[in-house]
Amino acid sequence: MQLTTKFIILIGLVICCSFGVTFYRTSNYQEELVVAMATRQAKMLFHQIRITRQWVADHNGLFLVKEPGVEENPFLPGGLIQDDQGNWLVKRNPAMVTRELSMYAAREGMGHFNVTSLKPVNPANAPDEFERRTLLKFNNGLAEAVEIEKIDGQHRLRYMAPLPVDERCLGCHGQQGYREGDIRGGMNVTIPMDWAYSEIRTNNRMLLNIGLATIVIVALVIFLMFDRLVVKRLKLLAGEMDSYPEQDPKIALLPEGPDEIGMLTQHFRGLCQRLETSQKDLDASREQVFQGEKLAALGRLVAGVSHEINNPLGGMQNCIQTLRKSPDDPAMVTRYLDLLGQGVERIKSTVQQLLKIGRKEPLALQCGQVDEMVRECLELTCMGRRDIELETHLEVPEPILINMEALRQVVVNLAGNAVQAMKDEGGQLCVSSLVEQNRLVITVADSGPGIAPEHLDQIFEPFFTTKTVGEGTGLGLSVSYSLVEQMGGELTAANRPEGGALFTINIPLTQENDLLPGEDQ
């Protein structure tokens, strides 16, 4: 997952969590506020009705002319009287006034209210479950009760407060056993709340839409800013890193600035400069190592070749001394001159082979006889070692196009190591060459002690050697591995089942080898 995606997801989660908490708290606060306002409205209505009831009680009730719809209350003593003009009047006490006002309020959609008691005079005033539960709590000292009910999908607020008995109430309720100050009942005010919850739902939808739009806008703005200020600059810097060192970094196009990316750019520039300096030093050191290893190998060869040169020189010196004693003997002169010529040719051949090894030639493709080159290298490395049995299976008689100079150095290093591995005990050195599937394969095997299993993965590392101090630098196999790798091939090492080490050179041949003379067309 890209950094941009992670960043946007993280910011989105933070915003969603923050908005979710805000939305939840705002929604609850709206409901609390609406309930508080409705409760306040219910309290005001309660006190208005209470004052109205108080006014009716203070005037000993209201008397209305009896007519259809204005009937006598059977539960009220003295509820029907006749005036001096003969009109029948119906009495209305506070409870009946409250009930009739509630009917008017309900028709107007303002809610309703009623008076109830645990011991009602009129059964129509019997309490429901909420009223009964609340009346019992009033007896235990509860001052008021507020509850939100949801019946048939409709919300309503119910507010109820107690109605204590005063002196004027004893006329009707004294016979029920009430005394002044007792809680004879309570008045319930019910206010419809569907409109409030509808407004809350509308506000919640609006808040949700605003929140979603805010999240999208903030995420988009953050994405654009992050993409412009971070991602594009990092991609530009990463592209220059990927193309380095094949291409020089476009310094003028690299991101600048006093921020972290700008500092990263400065560090990258410094790294490029240090790498370029190190590469130059490494190239110079590599050339020195290559030549040094070549000279080291040449030095080891000279030690073995010296015996081959000293032998003919000693014979030539004896021939010269003999000729000085008998300068007038033609047969002797002819014989010893031939011996001197053979000695000179032998020394000349040896020196030419050393010159081929020591000559500094460019590492480039050359058309040459691989088998002849291998024989020359083996003759040099085995000089002075009569105890080594040389076995060759060279099957590349035709010239091929290959990096002859590099291959010569590799063969000399591998053969020299093999000779050194067999030390003074001697042994067998087996070398083979062949072309298989357009690849040149050369193997160098010895009958020495072989390679320790724990060293097989390390022998091609620079400066790794198991030889004692003064016998090796640990660079021969490393240089050989590097040269074969430069030719597109591979150099592998293994132990032979019968004992000794086996090195295999496998190098692909170029297409030009198909056109070299001597091959089938």
Protein backbone atom coordinates (compact mmCIF):
# COMPACT_ATOMS: atom_id res chain seq x y z
CA MET A 1 0.00 0.00 0.00
CA GLN A 2 1.37 3.39 -1.00
CA LEU A 3 2.18 6.06 1.55
CA THR A 4 -0.47 8.37 0.06
CA THR A 5 -3.19 5.76 0.55
CA LYS A 6 -2.06 5.05 4.10
CA PHE A 7 -1.96 8.76 4.91
CA ILE A 8 -5.42 9.44 3.43
CA ILE A 9 -6.92 6.42 5.22
CA LEU A 10 -5.37 7.50 8.53
CA ILE A 11 -6.58 11.08 8.16
CA GLY A 12 -10.01 9.83 7.06
CA LEU A 13 -10.27 7.60 10.12
CA VAL A 14 -9.25 10.43 12.43
CA ILE A 15 -11.79 12.79 10.83
CA CYS A 16 -14.52 10.11 10.89
CA CYS A 17 -13.87 9.34 14.55
CA SER A 18 -13.80 13.02 15.46
CA PHE A 19 -16.94 13.74 13.46
CA GLY A 20 -18.65 10.63 14.82
CA VAL A 21 -18.09 11.77 18.40
CA THR A 22 -19.22 15.30 17.51
CA PHE A 23 -22.28 14.01 15.65
CA TYR A 24 -23.24 11.69 18.51
CA ARG A 25 -22.82 14.42 21.12
CA THR A 26 -24.68 17.01 19.00
CA SER A 27 -27.57 14.63 18.36
CA ASN A 28 -27.87 13.84 22.06
CA TYR A 29 -27.57 17.52 22.92
CA GLN A 30 -30.40 18.34 20.49
CA GLU A 31 -32.60 15.75 22.10
CA GLU A 32 -31.68 16.93 25.60
CA LEU A 33 -32.36 20.53 24.58
CA VAL A 34 -35.73 19.70 23.02
CA VAL A 35 -36.74 17.62 26.02
CA ALA A 36 -35.69 20.43 28.34
CA MET A 37 -37.71 22.97 26.35
CA ALA A 38 -40.73 20.67 26.24
CA THR A 39 -40.39 20.05 29.97
CA ARG A 40 -40.28 23.77 30.60
CA GLN A 41 -43.37 24.19 28.44
CA ALA A 42 -45.12 21.41 30.35
CA LYS A 43 -44.21 23.05 33.64
CA MET A 44 -45.62 26.38 32.48
CA LEU A 45 -48.80 24.68 31.33
CA PHE A 46 -48.98 22.79 34.62
CA HIS A 47 -48.72 25.99 36.65
CA GLN A 48 -51.26 27.76 34.43
CA ILE A 49 -53.74 24.94 34.95
CA ARG A 50 -52.91 24.85 38.66
CA ILE A 51 -53.55 28.58 38.96
CA THR A 52 -56.80 28.16 37.02
CA ARG A 53 -57.81 25.37 39.36
CA GLN A 54 -56.86 27.54 42.32
CA TRP A 55 -59.04 30.35 40.98
CA VAL A 56 -61.98 27.96 40.54
CA ALA A 57 -61.48 26.60 44.05
CA ASP A 58 -61.24 30.10 45.52
CA HIS A 59 -64.64 30.92 43.99
CA ASN A 60 -66.23 27.67 45.16
CA GLY A 61 -66.50 26.40 41.61
CA LEU A 62 -68.20 27.66 38.46
CA PHE A 63 -71.89 27.50 37.68
CA LEU A 64 -72.94 27.08 34.08
CA VAL A 65 -76.42 27.14 32.59
CA LYS A 66 -77.53 23.58 32.00
CA GLU A 67 -77.93 22.86 28.30
CA PRO A 68 -77.02 20.04 25.91
CA GLY A 69 -73.35 19.27 26.41
CA VAL A 70 -73.32 20.85 29.86
CA GLU A 71 -74.53 18.07 32.08
CA GLU A 72 -74.57 17.52 35.82
CA ASN A 73 -71.62 15.75 37.49
CA PRO A 74 -73.11 12.79 39.37
CA PHE A 75 -70.02 12.54 41.61
CA LEU A 76 -70.32 16.12 42.84
CA PRO A 77 -72.75 16.82 45.75
CA GLY A 78 -74.91 19.86 45.07
CA GLY A 79 -73.84 19.89 41.50
CA LEU A 80 -77.25 21.17 40.23
CA ILE A 81 -79.07 24.32 41.54
CA GLN A 82 -81.82 26.64 40.31
CA ASP A 83 -81.55 30.41 40.38
CA ASP A 84 -84.28 32.97 41.13
CA GLN A 85 -85.29 33.14 37.47
CA GLY A 86 -85.81 29.38 37.39
CA ASN A 87 -82.67 28.52 35.36
CA TRP A 88 -80.94 25.32 36.23
CA LEU A 89 -77.21 25.78 36.85
CA VAL A 90 -74.57 23.05 36.75
CA LYS A 91 -71.56 23.30 39.05
CA ARG A 92 -68.03 22.79 37.76
CA ASN A 93 -65.31 22.03 40.31
CA PRO A 94 -61.53 22.31 39.57
CA ALA A 95 -61.30 18.69 38.42
CA MET A 96 -64.07 19.10 35.84
CA VAL A 97 -62.66 22.41 34.64
CA THR A 98 -59.29 20.75 34.19
CA ARG A 99 -60.84 17.88 32.17
CA GLU A 100 -62.81 20.16 29.88
CA LEU A 101 -59.85 22.49 29.29
CA SER A 102 -57.79 19.41 28.42
CA MET A 103 -60.36 18.42 25.77
CA TYR A 104 -60.11 21.87 24.19
CA ALA A 105 -56.28 21.75 24.23
CA ALA A 106 -56.26 18.26 22.66
CA ARG A 107 -58.48 19.44 19.82
CA GLU A 108 -55.98 22.23 19.14
CA GLY A 109 -53.09 19.75 19.07
CA MET A 110 -51.49 21.26 22.16
CA GLY A 111 -51.48 18.03 24.14
CA HIS A 112 -53.66 17.25 27.05
CA PHE A 113 -53.63 17.16 30.83
CA ASN A 114 -55.61 15.45 33.55
CA VAL A 115 -55.85 15.10 37.28
CA THR A 116 -55.60 11.65 38.78
CA SER A 117 -55.35 10.01 42.18
CA LEU A 118 -54.81 6.64 43.74
CA LYS A 119 -58.29 7.07 45.26
CA PRO A 120 -60.24 8.87 42.53
CA VAL A 121 -63.83 9.99 43.13
CA ASN A 122 -64.62 9.65 39.43
CA PRO A 123 -63.43 6.30 37.95
CA ALA A 124 -62.63 8.19 34.69
CA ASN A 125 -59.76 9.81 36.59
CA ALA A 126 -58.12 6.48 37.43
CA PRO A 127 -54.33 6.59 36.83
CA ASP A 128 -52.52 4.70 34.07
CA GLU A 129 -49.25 2.84 34.63
CA PHE A 130 -47.02 5.94 34.45
CA GLU A 131 -49.35 7.93 36.69
CA ARG A 132 -49.68 5.14 39.25
CA ARG A 133 -45.91 4.63 39.41
CA THR A 134 -45.35 8.36 39.79
CA LEU A 135 -48.02 8.82 42.46
CA LEU A 136 -46.36 6.18 44.58
CA LYS A 137 -43.07 8.04 44.24
CA PHE A 138 -44.79 11.29 45.28
CA ASN A 139 -45.63 9.65 48.56
CA ASN A 140 -41.92 9.00 49.02
CA GLY A 141 -41.03 12.65 48.48
CA LEU A 142 -40.56 12.90 44.68
CA ALA A 143 -41.09 16.52 43.57
CA GLU A 144 -41.86 15.90 39.86
CA ALA A 145 -41.46 13.29 37.13
CA VAL A 146 -40.59 13.59 33.43
CA GLU A 147 -40.69 10.71 30.94
CA ILE A 148 -40.57 10.28 27.14
CA GLU A 149 -43.00 7.66 25.88
CA LYS A 150 -43.22 6.09 22.43
CA ILE A 151 -46.63 4.62 21.70
CA ASP A 152 -47.61 3.42 18.24
CA GLY A 153 -44.51 5.09 16.79
CA GLN A 154 -45.39 8.48 18.30
CA HIS A 155 -43.31 10.26 20.92
CA ARG A 156 -44.78 12.29 23.73
CA LEU A 157 -43.45 13.93 26.87
CA ARG A 158 -45.24 13.33 30.10
CA TYR A 159 -44.78 15.69 33.01
CA MET A 160 -46.42 15.10 36.35
CA ALA A 161 -46.30 16.98 39.63
CA PRO A 162 -48.17 16.40 42.90
CA LEU A 163 -51.29 18.27 44.03
CA PRO A 164 -51.26 18.77 47.82
CA VAL A 165 -54.48 19.14 49.83
CA ASP A 166 -55.23 22.64 51.10
CA GLU A 167 -58.08 24.02 53.18
CA ARG A 168 -60.42 24.55 50.21
CA CYS A 169 -60.01 20.96 49.04
CA LEU A 170 -61.28 19.48 52.31
CA GLY A 171 -64.87 20.28 51.37
CA CYS A 172 -64.82 17.60 48.68
CA HIS A 173 -61.94 15.37 49.70
CA GLY A 174 -62.10 15.58 53.48
CA GLN A 175 -64.59 12.70 53.53
CA GLN A 176 -61.92 10.55 51.78
CA GLY A 177 -59.70 10.90 54.85
CA TYR A 178 -57.31 13.52 53.48
CA ARG A 179 -55.84 16.15 55.73
CA GLU A 180 -54.37 19.46 54.84
CA GLY A 181 -50.85 19.00 53.33
CA ASP A 182 -51.47 15.43 52.13
CA ILE A 183 -50.75 14.45 48.52
CA ARG A 184 -54.23 13.64 47.25
CA GLY A 185 -53.11 13.14 43.65
CA GLY A 186 -51.23 14.72 40.82
CA MET A 187 -51.72 16.45 37.52
CA ASN A 188 -50.25 14.92 34.37
CA VAL A 189 -49.36 17.12 31.36
CA THR A 190 -48.77 15.29 28.08
CA ILE A 191 -47.14 17.15 25.15
CA PRO A 192 -46.72 15.57 21.67
CA MET A 193 -43.05 15.34 20.62
CA ASP A 194 -43.20 13.98 17.10
CA TRP A 195 -42.56 17.40 15.61
CA ALA A 196 -39.45 17.74 17.80
CA TYR A 197 -38.03 14.35 16.84
CA SER A 198 -38.78 15.09 13.20
CA GLU A 199 -36.73 18.27 13.50
CA ILE A 200 -33.96 16.31 15.24
CA ARG A 201 -33.89 13.78 12.38
CA THR A 202 -33.78 16.59 9.84
CA ASN A 203 -30.92 18.28 11.69
CA ASN A 204 -29.08 14.95 11.98
CA ARG A 205 -29.37 14.36 8.25
CA MET A 206 -28.10 17.85 7.61
CA LEU A 207 -25.19 17.34 10.02
CA LEU A 208 -24.40 13.97 8.43
CA ASN A 209 -24.39 15.47 4.93
CA ILE A 210 -22.20 18.34 6.09
CA GLY A 211 -19.87 15.87 7.82
CA LEU A 212 -19.57 13.63 4.76
CA ALA A 213 -18.99 16.62 2.51
CA THR A 214 -16.37 17.92 4.95
CA ILE A 215 -14.60 14.55 5.04
CA VAL A 216 -14.54 14.33 1.24
CA ILE A 217 -13.33 17.93 0.82
CA VAL A 218 -10.69 17.62 3.54
CA ALA A 219 -9.50 14.26 2.18
CA LEU A 220 -9.30 15.69 -1.35
CA VAL A 221 -7.43 18.79 -0.21
CA ILE A 222 -5.03 16.71 1.88
CA PHE A 223 -4.52 14.30 -1.02
CA LEU A 224 -3.74 17.13 -3.46
CA MET A 225 -1.42 18.86 -1.00
CA PHE A 226 0.31 15.60 -0.05
CA ASP A 227 0.64 14.60 -3.70
CA ARG A 228 2.07 17.98 -4.69
CA LEU A 229 4.28 18.63 -1.69
CA VAL A 230 5.44 15.09 -0.91
CA VAL A 231 4.60 12.36 -3.42
CA LYS A 232 5.67 14.11 -6.62
CA ARG A 233 8.88 15.30 -5.03
CA LEU A 234 9.64 11.85 -3.64
CA LYS A 235 8.89 10.24 -7.02
CA LEU A 236 11.25 12.67 -8.72
CA LEU A 237 13.96 11.93 -6.17
CA ALA A 238 13.29 8.16 -6.40
CA GLY A 239 13.52 8.31 -10.20
CA GLU A 240 16.90 9.99 -10.02
CA MET A 241 18.02 7.40 -7.46
CA ASP A 242 16.91 4.56 -9.76
CA SER A 243 18.76 5.98 -12.76
CA TYR A 244 21.95 6.56 -10.77
CA PRO A 245 24.76 5.76 -11.50
CA GLU A 246 23.89 4.87 -15.13
CA GLN A 247 22.75 8.47 -15.59
CA ASP A 248 23.95 11.51 -13.73
CA PRO A 249 21.20 12.93 -11.52
CA LYS A 250 19.53 16.06 -12.88
CA ILE A 251 20.57 18.29 -10.00
CA ALA A 252 18.52 21.22 -11.29
CA LEU A 253 15.31 19.16 -11.24
CA LEU A 254 15.72 17.68 -7.78
CA PRO A 255 13.24 18.93 -5.14
CA GLU A 256 14.49 21.84 -3.07
CA GLY A 257 13.24 23.40 0.10
CA PRO A 258 13.97 23.74 3.81
CA ASP A 259 11.74 20.77 4.67
CA GLU A 260 12.64 17.11 5.23
CA ILE A 261 12.50 16.25 1.51
CA GLY A 262 14.82 19.11 0.71
CA MET A 263 17.25 17.84 3.36
CA LEU A 264 16.93 14.34 1.86
CA THR A 265 17.84 15.80 -1.54
CA GLN A 266 20.94 17.43 -0.10
CA HIS A 267 21.98 14.15 1.49
CA PHE A 268 21.41 12.37 -1.83
CA ARG A 269 23.64 14.85 -3.62
CA GLY A 270 26.33 14.34 -1.03
CA LEU A 271 25.94 10.57 -1.37
CA CYS A 272 26.32 10.79 -5.15
CA GLN A 273 29.51 12.79 -4.79
CA ARG A 274 30.92 10.33 -2.26
CA LEU A 275 29.95 7.38 -4.45
CA GLU A 276 31.60 8.92 -7.50
CA THR A 277 34.78 9.54 -5.54
CA SER A 278 34.67 6.02 -4.11
CA GLN A 279 34.04 4.54 -7.57
CA LYS A 280 37.08 6.28 -8.99
CA ASP A 281 39.20 5.03 -6.11
CA LEU A 282 37.71 1.55 -6.51
CA ASP A 283 38.46 1.48 -10.24
CA ALA A 284 42.02 2.50 -9.61
CA SER A 285 42.36 -0.07 -6.81
CA ARG A 286 40.78 -2.76 -8.99
CA GLU A 287 43.31 -2.12 -11.75
CA GLN A 288 46.13 -2.22 -9.23
CA VAL A 289 44.78 -5.44 -7.73
CA PHE A 290 44.44 -7.04 -11.17
CA GLN A 291 47.97 -6.15 -12.15
CA GLY A 292 49.29 -7.01 -8.69
CA GLU A 293 47.67 -10.43 -8.79
CA LYS A 294 49.02 -10.97 -12.27
CA LEU A 295 52.52 -10.05 -11.11
CA ALA A 296 52.09 -12.26 -8.03
CA ALA A 297 51.14 -15.17 -10.26
CA LEU A 298 54.06 -14.34 -12.52
CA GLY A 299 56.37 -14.32 -9.52
CA ARG A 300 55.17 -17.76 -8.49
CA LEU A 301 55.72 -18.96 -12.04
CA VAL A 302 59.23 -17.47 -12.20
CA ALA A 303 60.18 -19.48 -9.13
CA GLY A 304 59.23 -22.66 -10.95
CA VAL A 305 60.59 -21.51 -14.33
CA SER A 306 64.00 -20.62 -12.93
CA HIS A 307 64.82 -24.32 -12.73
CA GLU A 308 63.79 -24.81 -16.36
CA ILE A 309 66.07 -21.93 -17.46
CA ASN A 310 68.98 -22.87 -15.21
CA ASN A 311 69.16 -26.41 -16.63
CA PRO A 312 69.76 -25.38 -20.30
CA LEU A 313 72.01 -22.54 -19.12
CA GLY A 314 74.16 -25.02 -17.23
CA GLY A 315 74.35 -27.28 -20.28
CA MET A 316 75.22 -24.35 -22.54
CA GLN A 317 77.95 -23.28 -20.15
CA ASN A 318 79.47 -26.81 -20.29
CA CYS A 319 79.30 -26.74 -24.10
CA ILE A 320 81.16 -23.41 -24.22
CA GLN A 321 83.87 -24.64 -21.88
CA THR A 322 84.33 -27.79 -23.97
CA LEU A 323 84.53 -25.77 -27.21
CA ARG A 324 87.22 -23.56 -25.70
CA LYS A 325 89.33 -26.64 -24.97
CA SER A 326 88.96 -28.10 -28.48
CA PRO A 327 88.25 -25.23 -30.88
CA ASP A 328 89.84 -27.09 -33.81
CA ASP A 329 87.61 -30.18 -33.69
CA PRO A 330 84.93 -29.56 -36.38
CA ALA A 331 82.72 -32.46 -35.36
CA MET A 332 82.69 -31.36 -31.71
CA VAL A 333 82.06 -27.75 -32.70
CA THR A 334 79.12 -28.75 -34.88
CA ARG A 335 77.66 -30.99 -32.19
CA TYR A 336 77.97 -28.49 -29.37
CA LEU A 337 76.72 -25.61 -31.47
CA ASP A 338 73.54 -27.60 -32.14
CA LEU A 339 73.21 -28.19 -28.38
CA LEU A 340 73.73 -24.48 -27.74
CA GLY A 341 71.04 -23.66 -30.31
CA GLN A 342 68.59 -26.06 -28.67
CA GLY A 343 69.26 -24.51 -25.27
CA VAL A 344 68.74 -21.02 -26.62
CA GLU A 345 65.45 -22.02 -28.27
CA ARG A 346 64.29 -23.63 -25.05
CA ILE A 347 65.09 -20.51 -23.03
CA LYS A 348 63.54 -18.31 -25.72
CA SER A 349 60.32 -20.35 -25.66
CA THR A 350 60.11 -20.13 -21.88
CA VAL A 351 60.70 -16.37 -21.85
CA GLN A 352 58.07 -15.79 -24.55
CA GLN A 353 55.52 -17.71 -22.52
CA LEU A 354 56.33 -15.56 -19.47
CA LEU A 355 55.98 -12.42 -21.58
CA LYS A 356 52.52 -13.51 -22.73
CA ILE A 357 51.47 -13.91 -19.12
CA GLY A 358 53.02 -10.67 -17.90
CA ARG A 359 52.07 -8.47 -20.90
CA LYS A 360 49.39 -5.89 -20.15
CA GLU A 361 46.84 -6.20 -22.92
CA PRO A 362 43.34 -4.69 -23.08
CA LEU A 363 40.44 -6.84 -22.02
CA ALA A 364 38.75 -7.16 -25.39
CA LEU A 365 37.43 -9.87 -27.67
CA GLN A 366 40.17 -11.64 -29.59
CA CYS A 367 40.13 -14.56 -32.01
CA GLY A 368 42.51 -17.19 -30.67
CA GLN A 369 43.30 -20.82 -30.02
CA VAL A 370 41.93 -21.63 -26.58
CA ASP A 371 43.56 -25.07 -26.39
CA GLU A 372 46.98 -23.65 -27.27
CA MET A 373 46.58 -20.92 -24.67
CA VAL A 374 45.60 -23.51 -22.02
CA ARG A 375 48.65 -25.65 -22.84
CA GLU A 376 50.97 -22.65 -22.49
CA CYS A 377 49.48 -21.75 -19.11
CA LEU A 378 49.82 -25.34 -17.88
CA GLU A 379 53.44 -25.59 -19.02
CA LEU A 380 54.29 -22.47 -17.05
CA THR A 381 52.41 -23.38 -13.89
CA CYS A 382 53.80 -26.94 -13.83
CA MET A 383 57.43 -25.98 -14.52
CA GLY A 384 59.69 -27.35 -11.85
CA ARG A 385 57.06 -29.78 -10.57
CA ARG A 386 58.08 -33.17 -11.92
CA ASP A 387 55.86 -34.79 -9.26
CA ILE A 388 52.66 -33.51 -10.90
CA GLU A 389 50.94 -35.68 -13.49
CA LEU A 390 49.24 -33.49 -16.08
CA GLU A 391 46.16 -34.87 -17.81
CA THR A 392 44.43 -32.80 -20.49
CA HIS A 393 41.28 -33.29 -22.56
CA LEU A 394 41.31 -30.25 -24.82
CA GLU A 395 38.59 -30.38 -27.49
CA VAL A 396 38.48 -26.84 -28.89
CA PRO A 397 40.83 -27.06 -31.90
CA GLU A 398 39.25 -24.22 -33.85
CA PRO A 399 39.87 -20.55 -33.04
CA ILE A 400 37.03 -18.77 -31.24
CA LEU A 401 36.24 -15.15 -30.44
CA ILE A 402 36.62 -14.55 -26.71
CA ASN A 403 38.33 -12.30 -24.18
CA MET A 404 41.59 -14.18 -24.47
CA GLU A 405 43.63 -12.04 -22.06
CA ALA A 406 41.08 -12.35 -19.25
CA LEU A 407 40.65 -16.08 -19.87
CA ARG A 408 44.44 -16.56 -19.77
CA GLN A 409 44.60 -14.85 -16.36
CA VAL A 410 41.77 -17.04 -15.02
CA VAL A 411 43.40 -20.29 -16.21
CA VAL A 412 46.78 -19.28 -14.74
CA ASN A 413 45.15 -18.46 -11.37
CA LEU A 414 43.15 -21.71 -11.22
CA ALA A 415 46.06 -23.91 -12.36
CA GLY A 416 48.46 -22.14 -10.01
CA ASN A 417 46.10 -22.67 -7.08
CA ALA A 418 45.76 -26.34 -8.01
CA VAL A 419 49.53 -26.79 -8.09
CA GLN A 420 49.90 -25.04 -4.75
CA ALA A 421 47.11 -27.18 -3.25
CA MET A 422 49.06 -30.37 -4.04
CA LYS A 423 52.16 -28.87 -2.32
CA ASP A 424 55.23 -31.12 -2.14
CA GLU A 425 53.39 -34.44 -2.29
CA GLY A 426 52.48 -33.99 -5.95
CA GLY A 427 49.38 -35.35 -7.57
CA GLN A 428 47.28 -35.16 -10.69
CA LEU A 429 46.12 -32.01 -12.49
CA CYS A 430 43.25 -32.60 -14.93
CA VAL A 431 42.19 -29.87 -17.37
CA SER A 432 39.50 -30.14 -20.04
CA SER A 433 37.93 -27.80 -22.58
CA LEU A 434 34.97 -28.10 -24.94
CA VAL A 435 32.26 -26.08 -26.67
CA GLU A 436 28.75 -27.16 -25.68
CA GLN A 437 25.53 -25.41 -26.74
CA ASN A 438 27.50 -22.35 -27.88
CA ARG A 439 29.23 -22.08 -24.51
CA LEU A 440 32.90 -22.58 -23.71
CA VAL A 441 33.39 -24.92 -20.74
CA ILE A 442 36.82 -25.31 -19.12
CA THR A 443 37.36 -27.46 -16.01
CA VAL A 444 40.42 -27.50 -13.74
CA ALA A 445 40.60 -30.34 -11.21
CA ASP A 446 43.31 -31.45 -8.81
CA SER A 447 43.88 -34.36 -6.45
CA GLY A 448 44.65 -32.16 -3.47
CA PRO A 449 42.78 -32.00 -0.16
CA GLY A 450 39.82 -30.15 -1.67
CA ILE A 451 37.85 -27.23 -0.22
CA ALA A 452 36.39 -27.28 3.28
CA PRO A 453 32.54 -27.29 3.04
CA GLU A 454 32.29 -24.19 5.23
CA HIS A 455 34.58 -22.30 2.83
CA LEU A 456 32.74 -23.06 -0.43
CA ASP A 457 30.58 -19.95 -0.10
CA GLN A 458 33.56 -17.71 0.75
CA ILE A 459 36.40 -18.65 -1.59
CA PHE A 460 35.42 -16.03 -4.19
CA GLU A 461 35.30 -13.20 -1.65
CA PRO A 462 38.14 -10.65 -1.86
CA PHE A 463 41.05 -11.28 0.54
CA PHE A 464 39.66 -14.63 1.70
CA THR A 465 42.44 -17.22 1.82
CA THR A 466 43.32 -20.34 3.77
CA LYS A 467 47.02 -20.03 2.94
CA THR A 468 49.57 -18.93 5.47
CA VAL A 469 50.90 -15.37 5.53
CA GLY A 470 53.18 -14.75 2.57
CA GLU A 471 51.74 -17.54 0.41
CA GLY A 472 48.66 -15.77 -0.96
CA THR A 473 46.72 -12.49 -0.98
CA GLY A 474 43.23 -13.93 -1.24
CA LEU A 475 42.64 -12.01 -4.49
CA GLY A 476 43.31 -14.65 -7.17
CA LEU A 477 39.92 -16.36 -7.10
CA SER A 478 38.12 -13.05 -6.51
CA VAL A 479 39.78 -11.51 -9.59
CA SER A 480 39.08 -14.67 -11.61
CA TYR A 481 35.42 -14.65 -10.57
CA SER A 482 35.13 -10.96 -11.52
CA LEU A 483 36.76 -11.55 -14.94
CA VAL A 484 34.48 -14.48 -15.79
CA GLU A 485 31.46 -12.46 -14.66
CA GLN A 486 32.53 -9.57 -16.93
CA MET A 487 32.55 -12.04 -19.85
CA GLY A 488 28.92 -12.95 -19.04
CA GLY A 489 29.83 -16.38 -17.67
CA GLU A 490 30.06 -18.06 -14.31
CA LEU A 491 32.83 -19.63 -12.27
CA THR A 492 31.83 -22.38 -9.84
CA ALA A 493 33.74 -24.48 -7.32
CA ALA A 494 33.03 -27.92 -5.91
CA ASN A 495 34.74 -30.96 -4.37
CA ARG A 496 35.25 -34.10 -6.47
CA PRO A 497 33.89 -37.39 -5.05
CA GLU A 498 37.33 -38.98 -5.43
CA GLY A 499 38.98 -36.07 -3.65
CA GLY A 500 40.34 -32.71 -4.68
CA ALA A 501 38.79 -29.50 -5.96
CA LEU A 502 36.98 -28.89 -9.25
CA PHE A 503 36.62 -25.42 -10.80
CA THR A 504 34.35 -24.95 -13.83
CA ILE A 505 34.47 -21.97 -16.21
CA ASN A 506 31.30 -21.55 -18.29
CA ILE A 507 31.33 -18.65 -20.76
CA PRO A 508 28.76 -17.90 -23.50
CA LEU A 509 30.25 -17.44 -26.98
CA THR A 510 29.31 -14.52 -29.23
CA GLN A 511 27.35 -14.99 -32.43
CA GLU A 512 30.44 -14.10 -34.49
CA ASN A 513 31.89 -17.54 -33.65
CA ASP A 514 29.42 -19.07 -36.13
CA LEU A 515 31.33 -17.38 -38.99
CA LEU A 516 34.90 -18.29 -37.94
CA PRO A 517 36.83 -20.38 -40.48
CA GLY A 518 37.09 -24.10 -39.91
CA GLU A 519 33.48 -24.58 -38.76
CA ASP A 520 30.68 -26.09 -40.77
CA GLN A 521 28.65 -23.50 -42.67
